[in-house]
N, C-alpha and C. Protein backbone atom coordinates (compact mmCIF):
# COMPACT_ATOMS: atom_id res chain seq x y z
N MET A 1 26.15 3.63 -10.06
CA MET A 1 25.62 4.92 -9.67
C MET A 1 25.35 4.91 -8.17
N LYS A 2 25.97 5.83 -7.47
CA LYS A 2 25.82 5.91 -6.02
C LYS A 2 24.54 6.67 -5.67
N PRO A 3 23.71 6.11 -4.79
CA PRO A 3 22.48 6.81 -4.42
C PRO A 3 22.79 8.09 -3.64
N ASP A 4 21.96 9.10 -3.81
CA ASP A 4 22.07 10.33 -3.02
C ASP A 4 21.51 10.05 -1.64
N SER A 5 21.80 10.97 -0.72
CA SER A 5 21.19 10.83 0.59
C SER A 5 20.08 11.86 0.72
N LEU A 6 19.14 11.54 1.57
CA LEU A 6 17.96 12.36 1.75
C LEU A 6 17.69 12.44 3.25
N THR A 7 17.29 13.60 3.71
CA THR A 7 16.94 13.78 5.12
C THR A 7 15.43 13.73 5.26
N ILE A 8 14.97 12.86 6.14
CA ILE A 8 13.54 12.78 6.43
C ILE A 8 13.34 13.04 7.92
N ASN A 9 12.17 13.55 8.27
CA ASN A 9 11.84 13.82 9.67
C ASN A 9 10.72 12.90 10.11
N ILE A 10 10.99 12.19 11.19
CA ILE A 10 9.98 11.29 11.76
C ILE A 10 9.96 11.50 13.26
N LEU A 11 8.79 11.83 13.78
CA LEU A 11 8.62 12.15 15.20
C LEU A 11 9.67 13.15 15.69
N ASP A 12 9.80 14.22 14.92
CA ASP A 12 10.69 15.34 15.25
C ASP A 12 12.17 14.95 15.31
N LYS A 13 12.54 13.86 14.68
CA LYS A 13 13.94 13.47 14.59
C LYS A 13 14.32 13.39 13.13
N GLU A 14 15.54 13.80 12.82
CA GLU A 14 16.03 13.73 11.45
C GLU A 14 16.78 12.43 11.21
N TYR A 15 16.53 11.86 10.04
CA TYR A 15 17.22 10.64 9.61
C TYR A 15 17.75 10.87 8.21
N ARG A 16 18.99 10.50 7.98
CA ARG A 16 19.57 10.56 6.64
C ARG A 16 19.55 9.15 6.08
N VAL A 17 18.99 9.04 4.88
CA VAL A 17 18.90 7.73 4.25
C VAL A 17 19.40 7.82 2.82
N ALA A 18 19.98 6.74 2.34
CA ALA A 18 20.41 6.67 0.95
C ALA A 18 19.18 6.41 0.09
N CYS A 19 19.13 7.13 -1.04
CA CYS A 19 17.95 7.00 -1.88
C CYS A 19 18.29 7.43 -3.31
N PRO A 20 17.99 6.58 -4.29
CA PRO A 20 18.20 6.99 -5.68
C PRO A 20 17.33 8.21 -6.00
N GLU A 21 17.82 9.07 -6.86
CA GLU A 21 17.10 10.30 -7.23
C GLU A 21 15.67 10.01 -7.67
N ALA A 22 15.48 8.96 -8.46
CA ALA A 22 14.16 8.65 -9.01
C ALA A 22 13.15 8.23 -7.93
N GLU A 23 13.64 7.86 -6.75
CA GLU A 23 12.74 7.37 -5.69
C GLU A 23 12.55 8.37 -4.55
N LYS A 24 13.12 9.56 -4.68
CA LYS A 24 13.05 10.53 -3.59
C LYS A 24 11.62 10.94 -3.26
N ASP A 25 10.82 11.24 -4.27
CA ASP A 25 9.44 11.66 -4.01
C ASP A 25 8.65 10.56 -3.31
N SER A 26 8.86 9.33 -3.74
CA SER A 26 8.16 8.21 -3.12
C SER A 26 8.60 8.03 -1.67
N LEU A 27 9.89 8.14 -1.42
CA LEU A 27 10.39 8.00 -0.05
C LEU A 27 9.87 9.12 0.84
N LEU A 28 9.84 10.34 0.32
CA LEU A 28 9.31 11.46 1.11
C LEU A 28 7.83 11.25 1.43
N ALA A 29 7.07 10.75 0.46
CA ALA A 29 5.65 10.48 0.70
C ALA A 29 5.49 9.37 1.73
N SER A 30 6.32 8.35 1.65
CA SER A 30 6.27 7.25 2.62
C SER A 30 6.61 7.75 4.02
N ALA A 31 7.63 8.57 4.11
CA ALA A 31 8.03 9.12 5.42
C ALA A 31 6.93 10.01 5.98
N SER A 32 6.29 10.77 5.12
CA SER A 32 5.20 11.64 5.56
C SER A 32 4.01 10.82 6.09
N LEU A 33 3.66 9.76 5.37
CA LEU A 33 2.57 8.88 5.82
C LEU A 33 2.92 8.23 7.15
N LEU A 34 4.13 7.71 7.25
CA LEU A 34 4.56 7.07 8.50
C LEU A 34 4.53 8.07 9.65
N ASN A 35 5.06 9.26 9.42
CA ASN A 35 5.09 10.27 10.47
C ASN A 35 3.67 10.64 10.90
N LYS A 36 2.77 10.76 9.94
CA LYS A 36 1.37 11.07 10.26
C LYS A 36 0.77 9.99 11.16
N ARG A 37 1.00 8.73 10.79
CA ARG A 37 0.45 7.63 11.59
C ARG A 37 1.07 7.59 12.98
N LEU A 38 2.37 7.82 13.05
CA LEU A 38 3.03 7.83 14.36
C LEU A 38 2.47 8.95 15.23
N GLN A 39 2.28 10.12 14.65
CA GLN A 39 1.75 11.26 15.40
C GLN A 39 0.32 10.97 15.89
N GLU A 40 -0.48 10.31 15.03
CA GLU A 40 -1.85 9.96 15.43
C GLU A 40 -1.85 9.04 16.64
N ILE A 41 -1.01 8.02 16.60
CA ILE A 41 -0.93 7.06 17.71
C ILE A 41 -0.42 7.76 18.97
N LYS A 42 0.61 8.58 18.78
CA LYS A 42 1.20 9.30 19.91
C LYS A 42 0.18 10.25 20.55
N SER A 43 -0.61 10.94 19.72
CA SER A 43 -1.57 11.92 20.24
C SER A 43 -2.71 11.27 21.02
N LYS A 44 -3.01 10.02 20.71
CA LYS A 44 -4.06 9.31 21.45
C LYS A 44 -3.61 8.97 22.86
N GLY A 45 -2.32 8.90 23.05
CA GLY A 45 -1.77 8.66 24.38
C GLY A 45 -1.94 7.26 24.91
N ALA A 46 -2.50 6.36 24.11
CA ALA A 46 -2.75 4.99 24.57
C ALA A 46 -1.47 4.16 24.57
N VAL A 47 -0.49 4.55 23.76
CA VAL A 47 0.74 3.77 23.66
C VAL A 47 1.90 4.65 24.13
N LEU A 48 2.69 4.13 25.04
CA LEU A 48 3.82 4.87 25.57
C LEU A 48 5.12 4.33 24.99
N GLY A 49 6.02 5.21 24.72
CA GLY A 49 7.34 4.83 24.23
C GLY A 49 7.40 4.85 22.71
N THR A 50 8.46 5.43 22.20
CA THR A 50 8.64 5.58 20.76
C THR A 50 8.68 4.23 20.05
N GLU A 51 9.33 3.27 20.66
CA GLU A 51 9.42 1.95 20.03
C GLU A 51 8.04 1.30 19.90
N ARG A 52 7.25 1.38 20.92
CA ARG A 52 5.89 0.81 20.86
C ARG A 52 5.02 1.55 19.86
N ILE A 53 5.16 2.87 19.81
CA ILE A 53 4.40 3.66 18.83
C ILE A 53 4.79 3.23 17.42
N ALA A 54 6.08 3.07 17.19
CA ALA A 54 6.56 2.65 15.86
C ALA A 54 6.04 1.26 15.49
N ILE A 55 6.03 0.36 16.45
CA ILE A 55 5.54 -1.00 16.18
C ILE A 55 4.05 -0.97 15.88
N MET A 56 3.28 -0.19 16.61
CA MET A 56 1.85 -0.10 16.34
C MET A 56 1.58 0.50 14.96
N ALA A 57 2.33 1.53 14.58
CA ALA A 57 2.16 2.13 13.26
C ALA A 57 2.54 1.14 12.17
N ALA A 58 3.64 0.42 12.36
CA ALA A 58 4.06 -0.59 11.37
C ALA A 58 3.02 -1.70 11.25
N LEU A 59 2.49 -2.13 12.36
CA LEU A 59 1.46 -3.17 12.35
C LEU A 59 0.21 -2.68 11.62
N ASN A 60 -0.22 -1.46 11.89
CA ASN A 60 -1.40 -0.90 11.22
C ASN A 60 -1.17 -0.78 9.72
N LEU A 61 -0.03 -0.26 9.32
CA LEU A 61 0.28 -0.11 7.89
C LEU A 61 0.37 -1.47 7.19
N SER A 62 0.99 -2.44 7.86
CA SER A 62 1.10 -3.78 7.28
C SER A 62 -0.28 -4.41 7.10
N HIS A 63 -1.13 -4.23 8.09
CA HIS A 63 -2.49 -4.76 8.01
C HIS A 63 -3.24 -4.13 6.83
N GLU A 64 -3.13 -2.82 6.69
CA GLU A 64 -3.80 -2.13 5.59
C GLU A 64 -3.27 -2.61 4.24
N MET A 65 -1.96 -2.81 4.14
CA MET A 65 -1.36 -3.28 2.90
C MET A 65 -1.85 -4.68 2.55
N LEU A 66 -1.84 -5.58 3.51
CA LEU A 66 -2.29 -6.95 3.26
C LEU A 66 -3.78 -7.01 2.96
N ASN A 67 -4.57 -6.19 3.65
CA ASN A 67 -6.00 -6.12 3.39
C ASN A 67 -6.24 -5.61 1.96
N GLY A 68 -5.47 -4.63 1.55
CA GLY A 68 -5.58 -4.11 0.18
C GLY A 68 -5.23 -5.16 -0.85
N LYS A 69 -4.20 -5.97 -0.57
CA LYS A 69 -3.83 -7.04 -1.49
C LYS A 69 -4.93 -8.10 -1.57
N ALA A 70 -5.56 -8.39 -0.44
CA ALA A 70 -6.65 -9.37 -0.44
C ALA A 70 -7.82 -8.86 -1.28
N ILE A 71 -8.14 -7.60 -1.14
CA ILE A 71 -9.23 -7.01 -1.94
C ILE A 71 -8.86 -7.02 -3.42
N GLU A 72 -7.61 -6.69 -3.71
CA GLU A 72 -7.14 -6.72 -5.10
C GLU A 72 -7.26 -8.12 -5.69
N GLN A 73 -6.93 -9.15 -4.91
CA GLN A 73 -7.04 -10.53 -5.38
C GLN A 73 -8.50 -10.90 -5.62
N GLN A 74 -9.38 -10.46 -4.74
CA GLN A 74 -10.81 -10.73 -4.91
C GLN A 74 -11.32 -10.08 -6.20
N HIS A 75 -10.88 -8.87 -6.48
CA HIS A 75 -11.28 -8.19 -7.71
C HIS A 75 -10.74 -8.93 -8.93
N SER A 76 -9.50 -9.40 -8.82
CA SER A 76 -8.91 -10.15 -9.92
C SER A 76 -9.68 -11.43 -10.19
N ASP A 77 -10.04 -12.14 -9.12
CA ASP A 77 -10.82 -13.37 -9.25
C ASP A 77 -12.19 -13.08 -9.88
N LEU A 78 -12.81 -12.01 -9.44
CA LEU A 78 -14.12 -11.63 -9.98
C LEU A 78 -14.00 -11.27 -11.46
N ASN A 79 -12.96 -10.53 -11.83
CA ASN A 79 -12.75 -10.19 -13.24
C ASN A 79 -12.53 -11.43 -14.10
N THR A 80 -11.82 -12.41 -13.56
CA THR A 80 -11.60 -13.67 -14.28
C THR A 80 -12.93 -14.38 -14.50
N ARG A 81 -13.76 -14.42 -13.48
CA ARG A 81 -15.08 -15.06 -13.62
C ARG A 81 -15.95 -14.32 -14.62
N ILE A 82 -15.91 -13.00 -14.59
CA ILE A 82 -16.69 -12.20 -15.54
C ILE A 82 -16.22 -12.45 -16.97
N ASP A 83 -14.91 -12.50 -17.18
CA ASP A 83 -14.37 -12.78 -18.51
C ASP A 83 -14.81 -14.16 -19.00
N SER A 84 -14.79 -15.15 -18.10
CA SER A 84 -15.21 -16.50 -18.46
C SER A 84 -16.68 -16.53 -18.86
N LEU A 85 -17.52 -15.86 -18.06
CA LEU A 85 -18.95 -15.80 -18.38
C LEU A 85 -19.19 -15.06 -19.70
N SER A 86 -18.46 -14.02 -19.93
CA SER A 86 -18.59 -13.26 -21.17
C SER A 86 -18.23 -14.13 -22.37
N ASP A 87 -17.17 -14.93 -22.24
CA ASP A 87 -16.77 -15.85 -23.31
C ASP A 87 -17.88 -16.88 -23.57
N LYS A 88 -18.48 -17.40 -22.50
CA LYS A 88 -19.56 -18.38 -22.66
C LYS A 88 -20.77 -17.75 -23.35
N ILE A 89 -21.08 -16.53 -22.99
CA ILE A 89 -22.21 -15.83 -23.62
C ILE A 89 -21.92 -15.61 -25.10
N ASP A 90 -20.72 -15.17 -25.42
CA ASP A 90 -20.34 -14.96 -26.83
C ASP A 90 -20.45 -16.26 -27.63
N THR A 91 -19.96 -17.34 -27.04
CA THR A 91 -20.02 -18.64 -27.71
C THR A 91 -21.47 -19.06 -27.94
N THR A 92 -22.32 -18.89 -26.94
CA THR A 92 -23.73 -19.25 -27.06
C THR A 92 -24.43 -18.40 -28.13
N ILE A 93 -24.14 -17.11 -28.16
CA ILE A 93 -24.75 -16.23 -29.17
C ILE A 93 -24.31 -16.65 -30.57
N ARG A 94 -23.05 -16.97 -30.74
CA ARG A 94 -22.56 -17.42 -32.06
C ARG A 94 -23.24 -18.72 -32.49
N GLN A 95 -23.50 -19.61 -31.55
CA GLN A 95 -24.17 -20.86 -31.88
C GLN A 95 -25.59 -20.60 -32.36
N PHE A 96 -26.29 -19.66 -31.72
CA PHE A 96 -27.64 -19.34 -32.14
C PHE A 96 -27.66 -18.60 -33.49
N GLU A 97 -26.63 -17.87 -33.78
CA GLU A 97 -26.54 -17.16 -35.06
C GLU A 97 -26.37 -18.15 -36.21
N LEU A 98 -25.77 -19.30 -35.94
CA LEU A 98 -25.55 -20.31 -36.95
C LEU A 98 -26.82 -21.11 -37.28
N ILE A 99 -27.78 -21.06 -36.37
CA ILE A 99 -29.00 -21.83 -36.56
C ILE A 99 -29.91 -21.14 -37.55
């Protein structure tokens, strides 16, 4: 199955990209988020040049993604500890019920 092409706009430029039909909404949302971040950086005026703006946006998005994964891992670790403690409590309660 050949992917369809989709036109996205980033920093007032059009790009045609290949994209399976099932992923079009996700790609459009991704392009919209990227464009928003690029526009924010550009409007601050602190970074000059499209390439530098793109690198700063990519760096910021990557940082947010990795930070989110770290938080997700911390939650997973905490849930594992809670499950372990819950099992110990259940075991202790069953032992007292047998007495």
